[in-house]
N, C-alpha and C. Protein backbone atom coordinates (compact mmCIF):
# COMPACT_ATOMS: atom_id res chain seq x y z
N MET A 1 0.84 -1.18 0.00
CA MET A 1 0.00 0.00 0.00
C MET A 1 0.88 1.24 0.00
N ASN A 2 0.45 2.19 -0.76
CA ASN A 2 1.21 3.44 -0.78
C ASN A 2 0.73 4.36 0.34
N PRO A 3 1.48 5.38 0.67
CA PRO A 3 1.14 6.27 1.78
C PRO A 3 -0.23 6.94 1.62
N LEU A 4 -0.62 7.25 0.39
CA LEU A 4 -1.92 7.88 0.18
C LEU A 4 -3.06 6.93 0.56
N ASP A 5 -2.94 5.65 0.16
CA ASP A 5 -3.97 4.67 0.53
C ASP A 5 -4.04 4.48 2.04
N LEU A 6 -2.88 4.45 2.69
CA LEU A 6 -2.86 4.30 4.14
C LEU A 6 -3.50 5.50 4.83
N ALA A 7 -3.24 6.69 4.32
CA ALA A 7 -3.82 7.90 4.90
C ALA A 7 -5.34 7.90 4.74
N LEU A 8 -5.82 7.47 3.56
CA LEU A 8 -7.27 7.40 3.33
C LEU A 8 -7.93 6.37 4.24
N LYS A 9 -7.25 5.22 4.38
CA LYS A 9 -7.78 4.17 5.24
C LYS A 9 -7.84 4.66 6.70
N LYS A 10 -6.78 5.34 7.12
CA LYS A 10 -6.75 5.89 8.48
C LYS A 10 -7.88 6.89 8.69
N GLN A 11 -8.10 7.74 7.71
CA GLN A 11 -9.15 8.76 7.82
C GLN A 11 -10.53 8.10 7.89
N ARG A 12 -10.77 7.07 7.08
CA ARG A 12 -12.04 6.36 7.11
C ARG A 12 -12.28 5.71 8.48
N LEU A 13 -11.22 5.10 9.01
CA LEU A 13 -11.34 4.47 10.32
C LEU A 13 -11.62 5.49 11.42
N GLN A 14 -10.98 6.66 11.32
CA GLN A 14 -11.23 7.70 12.31
C GLN A 14 -12.67 8.22 12.22
N LEU A 15 -13.18 8.38 11.01
CA LEU A 15 -14.56 8.83 10.84
C LEU A 15 -15.54 7.79 11.38
N ARG A 16 -15.24 6.52 11.09
CA ARG A 16 -16.10 5.45 11.58
C ARG A 16 -16.07 5.41 13.12
N SER A 17 -14.89 5.58 13.67
CA SER A 17 -14.75 5.59 15.13
C SER A 17 -15.52 6.75 15.75
N ASP A 18 -15.47 7.92 15.13
CA ASP A 18 -16.24 9.06 15.63
C ASP A 18 -17.74 8.77 15.61
N GLY A 19 -18.20 8.13 14.54
CA GLY A 19 -19.62 7.78 14.45
C GLY A 19 -20.03 6.78 15.53
N LEU A 20 -19.17 5.79 15.75
CA LEU A 20 -19.48 4.79 16.79
C LEU A 20 -19.47 5.42 18.18
N ARG A 21 -18.53 6.33 18.42
CA ARG A 21 -18.50 7.03 19.70
C ARG A 21 -19.78 7.83 19.92
N GLY A 22 -20.26 8.47 18.87
CA GLY A 22 -21.51 9.22 18.97
C GLY A 22 -22.70 8.33 19.28
N ARG A 23 -22.73 7.16 18.66
CA ARG A 23 -23.82 6.22 18.94
C ARG A 23 -23.76 5.73 20.38
N TRP A 24 -22.57 5.42 20.87
CA TRP A 24 -22.41 4.99 22.26
C TRP A 24 -22.86 6.08 23.22
N ARG A 25 -22.48 7.32 22.91
CA ARG A 25 -22.88 8.44 23.76
C ARG A 25 -24.40 8.56 23.81
N ALA A 26 -25.05 8.38 22.66
CA ALA A 26 -26.52 8.46 22.62
C ALA A 26 -27.14 7.34 23.46
N HIS A 27 -26.58 6.14 23.37
CA HIS A 27 -27.11 5.02 24.16
C HIS A 27 -26.90 5.27 25.66
N LEU A 28 -25.75 5.79 26.02
CA LEU A 28 -25.48 6.07 27.43
C LEU A 28 -26.39 7.18 27.96
N ASP A 29 -26.71 8.15 27.11
CA ASP A 29 -27.62 9.21 27.54
C ASP A 29 -29.01 8.64 27.85
N GLU A 30 -29.41 7.61 27.12
CA GLU A 30 -30.70 6.97 27.39
C GLU A 30 -30.67 6.21 28.72
N LEU A 31 -29.50 5.67 29.07
CA LEU A 31 -29.37 4.89 30.30
C LEU A 31 -29.05 5.75 31.53
N ARG A 32 -28.74 7.02 31.31
CA ARG A 32 -28.30 7.88 32.41
C ARG A 32 -29.29 7.89 33.59
N PRO A 33 -30.61 8.01 33.39
CA PRO A 33 -31.52 8.02 34.55
C PRO A 33 -31.42 6.74 35.39
N ALA A 34 -31.30 5.60 34.73
CA ALA A 34 -31.19 4.34 35.47
C ALA A 34 -29.86 4.28 36.22
N LEU A 35 -28.80 4.76 35.61
CA LEU A 35 -27.50 4.75 36.27
C LEU A 35 -27.49 5.70 37.47
N VAL A 36 -28.12 6.85 37.33
CA VAL A 36 -28.21 7.80 38.44
C VAL A 36 -29.01 7.19 39.59
N ALA A 37 -30.11 6.52 39.26
CA ALA A 37 -30.93 5.88 40.30
C ALA A 37 -30.12 4.80 41.01
N GLY A 38 -29.37 4.03 40.26
CA GLY A 38 -28.52 3.00 40.87
C GLY A 38 -27.48 3.60 41.79
N ASP A 39 -26.89 4.72 41.39
CA ASP A 39 -25.93 5.40 42.24
C ASP A 39 -26.57 5.89 43.53
N ARG A 40 -27.80 6.38 43.44
CA ARG A 40 -28.50 6.85 44.64
C ARG A 40 -28.82 5.70 45.59
N VAL A 41 -29.25 4.57 45.04
CA VAL A 41 -29.53 3.40 45.87
C VAL A 41 -28.25 2.95 46.56
N HIS A 42 -27.16 2.89 45.80
CA HIS A 42 -25.88 2.48 46.38
C HIS A 42 -25.45 3.44 47.49
N ALA A 43 -25.61 4.74 47.27
CA ALA A 43 -25.26 5.72 48.30
C ALA A 43 -26.14 5.54 49.55
N GLY A 44 -27.42 5.23 49.35
CA GLY A 44 -28.31 5.00 50.48
C GLY A 44 -27.92 3.77 51.27
N VAL A 45 -27.55 2.71 50.59
CA VAL A 45 -27.10 1.50 51.28
C VAL A 45 -25.82 1.78 52.06
N GLN A 46 -24.89 2.52 51.45
CA GLN A 46 -23.66 2.87 52.16
C GLN A 46 -23.96 3.71 53.39
N TRP A 47 -24.90 4.63 53.28
CA TRP A 47 -25.27 5.47 54.41
C TRP A 47 -25.85 4.62 55.54
N LEU A 48 -26.71 3.66 55.17
CA LEU A 48 -27.30 2.78 56.19
C LEU A 48 -26.23 1.93 56.87
N ARG A 49 -25.21 1.52 56.12
CA ARG A 49 -24.13 0.74 56.72
C ARG A 49 -23.32 1.58 57.70
N ARG A 50 -23.19 2.86 57.42
CA ARG A 50 -22.44 3.74 58.31
C ARG A 50 -23.26 4.15 59.53
N HIS A 51 -24.58 4.08 59.44
CA HIS A 51 -25.47 4.49 60.52
C HIS A 51 -26.45 3.35 60.85
N PRO A 52 -25.97 2.23 61.37
CA PRO A 52 -26.87 1.08 61.60
C PRO A 52 -27.86 1.29 62.75
N ALA A 53 -27.59 2.24 63.62
CA ALA A 53 -28.50 2.44 64.76
C ALA A 53 -29.85 2.99 64.31
N LEU A 54 -29.88 3.75 63.25
CA LEU A 54 -31.15 4.35 62.81
C LEU A 54 -32.16 3.32 62.32
N PRO A 55 -31.78 2.38 61.46
CA PRO A 55 -32.78 1.36 61.07
C PRO A 55 -33.19 0.47 62.24
N VAL A 56 -32.26 0.20 63.15
CA VAL A 56 -32.60 -0.60 64.31
C VAL A 56 -33.61 0.15 65.18
N ALA A 57 -33.37 1.43 65.39
CA ALA A 57 -34.30 2.24 66.19
C ALA A 57 -35.67 2.30 65.53
N ALA A 58 -35.70 2.43 64.21
CA ALA A 58 -36.98 2.45 63.50
C ALA A 58 -37.69 1.11 63.65
N GLY A 59 -36.95 0.02 63.59
CA GLY A 59 -37.56 -1.30 63.78
C GLY A 59 -38.11 -1.49 65.18
N VAL A 60 -37.38 -1.02 66.17
CA VAL A 60 -37.86 -1.13 67.55
C VAL A 60 -39.12 -0.27 67.74
N ALA A 61 -39.10 0.94 67.19
CA ALA A 61 -40.27 1.81 67.30
C ALA A 61 -41.48 1.18 66.61
N LEU A 62 -41.25 0.56 65.47
CA LEU A 62 -42.34 -0.11 64.76
C LEU A 62 -42.84 -1.31 65.55
N ALA A 63 -41.93 -2.05 66.19
CA ALA A 63 -42.32 -3.21 66.98
C ALA A 63 -43.17 -2.79 68.17
N VAL A 64 -42.87 -1.64 68.75
CA VAL A 64 -43.63 -1.17 69.91
C VAL A 64 -44.98 -0.61 69.46
N ALA A 65 -44.96 0.18 68.38
CA ALA A 65 -46.19 0.86 67.94
C ALA A 65 -47.14 -0.07 67.18
N ARG A 66 -46.61 -0.89 66.28
CA ARG A 66 -47.45 -1.74 65.43
C ARG A 66 -46.86 -3.15 65.34
N PRO A 67 -46.96 -3.96 66.37
CA PRO A 67 -46.32 -5.28 66.34
C PRO A 67 -46.90 -6.22 65.27
N ARG A 68 -48.20 -6.13 65.01
CA ARG A 68 -48.80 -7.01 63.98
C ARG A 68 -48.24 -6.68 62.59
N LEU A 69 -48.11 -5.40 62.32
CA LEU A 69 -47.56 -4.99 61.02
C LEU A 69 -46.13 -5.48 60.87
N LEU A 70 -45.34 -5.34 61.91
CA LEU A 70 -43.95 -5.81 61.86
C LEU A 70 -43.90 -7.32 61.68
N TRP A 71 -44.76 -8.05 62.38
CA TRP A 71 -44.80 -9.50 62.25
C TRP A 71 -45.17 -9.92 60.82
N ARG A 72 -46.16 -9.24 60.24
CA ARG A 72 -46.58 -9.56 58.87
C ARG A 72 -45.43 -9.34 57.88
N TRP A 73 -44.72 -8.22 58.02
CA TRP A 73 -43.59 -7.93 57.12
C TRP A 73 -42.43 -8.88 57.37
N ALA A 74 -42.24 -9.29 58.61
CA ALA A 74 -41.18 -10.26 58.91
C ALA A 74 -41.49 -11.60 58.24
N GLN A 75 -42.75 -12.02 58.27
CA GLN A 75 -43.13 -13.27 57.61
C GLN A 75 -42.89 -13.17 56.11
N ARG A 76 -43.27 -12.05 55.51
CA ARG A 76 -43.03 -11.86 54.08
C ARG A 76 -41.54 -11.89 53.76
N GLY A 77 -40.76 -11.26 54.61
CA GLY A 77 -39.32 -11.25 54.40
C GLY A 77 -38.72 -12.64 54.48
N ILE A 78 -39.20 -13.45 55.43
CA ILE A 78 -38.70 -14.82 55.55
C ILE A 78 -39.07 -15.63 54.32
N VAL A 79 -40.30 -15.48 53.86
CA VAL A 79 -40.73 -16.20 52.66
C VAL A 79 -39.89 -15.79 51.45
N LEU A 80 -39.68 -14.49 51.29
CA LEU A 80 -38.86 -14.02 50.16
C LEU A 80 -37.44 -14.54 50.26
N TRP A 81 -36.89 -14.57 51.46
CA TRP A 81 -35.53 -15.07 51.65
C TRP A 81 -35.45 -16.55 51.28
N GLN A 82 -36.46 -17.35 51.68
CA GLN A 82 -36.47 -18.76 51.35
C GLN A 82 -36.61 -18.98 49.85
N VAL A 83 -37.48 -18.20 49.21
CA VAL A 83 -37.64 -18.31 47.75
C VAL A 83 -36.33 -17.96 47.07
N TRP A 84 -35.67 -16.93 47.55
CA TRP A 84 -34.38 -16.52 46.97
C TRP A 84 -33.35 -17.65 47.09
N ARG A 85 -33.27 -18.27 48.27
CA ARG A 85 -32.30 -19.35 48.47
C ARG A 85 -32.60 -20.54 47.57
N ARG A 86 -33.88 -20.91 47.48
CA ARG A 86 -34.24 -22.05 46.62
C ARG A 86 -34.01 -21.73 45.15
N GLY A 87 -34.39 -20.52 44.74
CA GLY A 87 -34.18 -20.13 43.35
C GLY A 87 -32.71 -20.07 42.99
N LYS A 88 -31.91 -19.56 43.90
CA LYS A 88 -30.47 -19.48 43.68
C LYS A 88 -29.88 -20.89 43.56
N HIS A 89 -30.37 -21.79 44.37
CA HIS A 89 -29.88 -23.18 44.33
C HIS A 89 -30.27 -23.84 43.00
N LEU A 90 -31.52 -23.60 42.55
CA LEU A 90 -31.97 -24.20 41.29
C LEU A 90 -31.23 -23.61 40.09
N LEU A 91 -30.95 -22.32 40.14
CA LEU A 91 -30.26 -21.68 39.02
C LEU A 91 -28.80 -22.11 38.92
N SER A 92 -28.22 -22.52 40.03
CA SER A 92 -26.81 -22.91 39.99
C SER A 92 -26.60 -24.29 39.37
N ARG A 93 -27.68 -25.04 39.20
CA ARG A 93 -27.56 -26.38 38.60
C ARG A 93 -27.30 -26.32 37.13
């Protein structure tokens, strides 16, 4: 290949790369709200890990004020946890 052909090939590849970068940017812009929401959830979980007394206090207050409601949600949580364990076991096969 002569230098002119190489230069043209390089230019075509650069133009194609620019187009692909633009398409990726457009796709990422569509996903931005979901990514921002995920970041917020992650930040909330990190905050709860740094301040464990607050959820415990809320649970105790709920247990004192509405024990039936807490019991009902605890049962649902146990059922969901069991379903998760069984499903995880079945999916690993």
